[in-house]
C-alpha cells in the first residue's frame, strides 16, 4: 500500500517538473491553488489510506 502511494507521489512530482520545464504557462495559476489546498489534500489522502488499510485488516481478520 505504501509503495503505491510513493509511486503516485513520484509520478505527480515528475509530471509537475516536466510541465514546469516545458510548459510553465500551464502551471502559472494552478500552483497557488495547490499551495492553498495542500493541507486538505494531505488530510484527504491520509483518510483514504487509513480506510483502505482498515478494509484490508478486516479482510485478514475474517
C-alpha atoms as a PDB file:
ATOM      1  CA  UNK A   1       0.000   0.000   0.000  1.00  0.00           C
ATOM      2  CA  UNK A   2       2.738   2.402   0.919  1.00  0.00           C
ATOM      3  CA  UNK A   3       4.582   1.622  -2.296  1.00  0.00           C
ATOM      4  CA  UNK A   4       1.569   2.635  -4.384  1.00  0.00           C
ATOM      5  CA  UNK A   5       1.311   5.988  -2.616  1.00  0.00           C
ATOM      6  CA  UNK A   6       5.013   6.611  -3.119  1.00  0.00           C
ATOM      7  CA  UNK A   7       4.703   5.699  -6.801  1.00  0.00           C
ATOM      8  CA  UNK A   8       1.784   8.093  -7.277  1.00  0.00           C
ATOM      9  CA  UNK A   9       3.666  10.861  -5.487  1.00  0.00           C
ATOM     10  CA  UNK A  10       6.763  10.356  -7.626  1.00  0.00           C
ATOM     11  CA  UNK A  11       4.639  10.377 -10.785  1.00  0.00           C
ATOM     12  CA  UNK A  12       2.942  13.643  -9.798  1.00  0.00           C
ATOM     13  CA  UNK A  13       6.264  15.274  -8.983  1.00  0.00           C
ATOM     14  CA  UNK A  14       7.758  14.107 -12.283  1.00  0.00           C
ATOM     15  CA  UNK A  15       4.800  15.413 -14.292  1.00  0.00           C
ATOM     16  CA  UNK A  16       4.995  18.730 -12.436  1.00  0.00           C
ATOM     17  CA  UNK A  17       8.716  19.107 -13.141  1.00  0.00           C
ATOM     18  CA  UNK A  18       8.225  18.307 -16.827  1.00  0.00           C
ATOM     19  CA  UNK A  19       5.402  20.841 -17.066  1.00  0.00           C
ATOM     20  CA  UNK A  20       7.478  23.491 -15.297  1.00  0.00           C
ATOM     21  CA  UNK A  21      10.342  22.966 -17.728  1.00  0.00           C
ATOM     22  CA  UNK A  22       8.402  22.679 -20.990  1.00  0.00           C
ATOM     23  CA  UNK A  23       5.077  24.465 -20.362  1.00  0.00           C
ATOM     24  CA  UNK A  24       5.370  26.853 -17.387  1.00  0.00           C
ATOM     25  CA  UNK A  25       2.358  28.823 -18.628  1.00  0.00           C
ATOM     26  CA  UNK A  26       0.078  25.891 -17.722  1.00  0.00           C
ATOM     27  CA  UNK A  27       1.158  25.911 -14.088  1.00  0.00           C
ATOM     28  CA  UNK A  28       1.250  29.669 -13.590  1.00  0.00           C
ATOM     29  CA  UNK A  29      -2.193  29.948 -11.980  1.00  0.00           C
ATOM     30  CA  UNK A  30      -2.501  26.406 -10.667  1.00  0.00           C
ATOM     31  CA  UNK A  31       0.377  26.453  -8.167  1.00  0.00           C
ATOM     32  CA  UNK A  32      -1.332  28.983  -5.874  1.00  0.00           C
ATOM     33  CA  UNK A  33      -4.367  26.714  -5.654  1.00  0.00           C
ATOM     34  CA  UNK A  34      -2.162  23.729  -4.847  1.00  0.00           C
ATOM     35  CA  UNK A  35      -0.282  25.593  -2.146  1.00  0.00           C
ATOM     36  CA  UNK A  36      -3.551  26.731  -0.577  1.00  0.00           C
ATOM     37  CA  UNK A  37      -5.144  23.319  -0.740  1.00  0.00           C
ATOM     38  CA  UNK A  38      -2.160  21.186   0.292  1.00  0.00           C
ATOM     39  CA  UNK A  39      -3.456  20.753   3.865  1.00  0.00           C
ATOM     40  CA  UNK A  40      -6.892  19.413   2.907  1.00  0.00           C
ATOM     41  CA  UNK A  41      -5.348  17.284   0.160  1.00  0.00           C
ATOM     42  CA  UNK A  42      -2.931  15.660   2.610  1.00  0.00           C
ATOM     43  CA  UNK A  43      -5.739  15.081   5.111  1.00  0.00           C
ATOM     44  CA  UNK A  44      -7.937  13.532   2.433  1.00  0.00           C
ATOM     45  CA  UNK A  45      -5.148  11.215   1.265  1.00  0.00           C
ATOM     46  CA  UNK A  46      -4.442  10.149   4.861  1.00  0.00           C
ATOM     47  CA  UNK A  47      -8.128   9.394   5.445  1.00  0.00           C
ATOM     48  CA  UNK A  48      -8.333   7.335   2.266  1.00  0.00           C
ATOM     49  CA  UNK A  49      -5.149   5.433   3.114  1.00  0.00           C
ATOM     50  CA  UNK A  50      -6.439   4.714   6.625  1.00  0.00           C
ATOM     51  CA  UNK A  51      -9.801   3.455   5.380  1.00  0.00           C
ATOM     52  CA  UNK A  52      -8.146   1.225   2.784  1.00  0.00           C
ATOM     53  CA  UNK A  53      -5.760  -0.102   5.423  1.00  0.00           C
ATOM     54  CA  UNK A  54      -8.666  -0.835   7.785  1.00  0.00           C
ATOM     55  CA  UNK A  55     -10.516  -2.579   4.961  1.00  0.00           C
ATOM     56  CA  UNK A  56      -7.587  -4.904   4.270  1.00  0.00           C
ATOM     57  CA  UNK A  57      -7.129  -5.561   8.004  1.00  0.00           C
ATOM     58  CA  UNK A  58     -10.790  -6.516   8.272  1.00  0.00           C
ATOM     59  CA  UNK A  59     -10.318  -8.955   5.389  1.00  0.00           C
ATOM     60  CA  UNK A  60      -7.389 -10.555   7.213  1.00  0.00           C
ATOM     61  CA  UNK A  61      -9.437 -10.963  10.401  1.00  0.00           C
ATOM     62  CA  UNK A  62     -12.443 -12.501   8.648  1.00  0.00           C
END
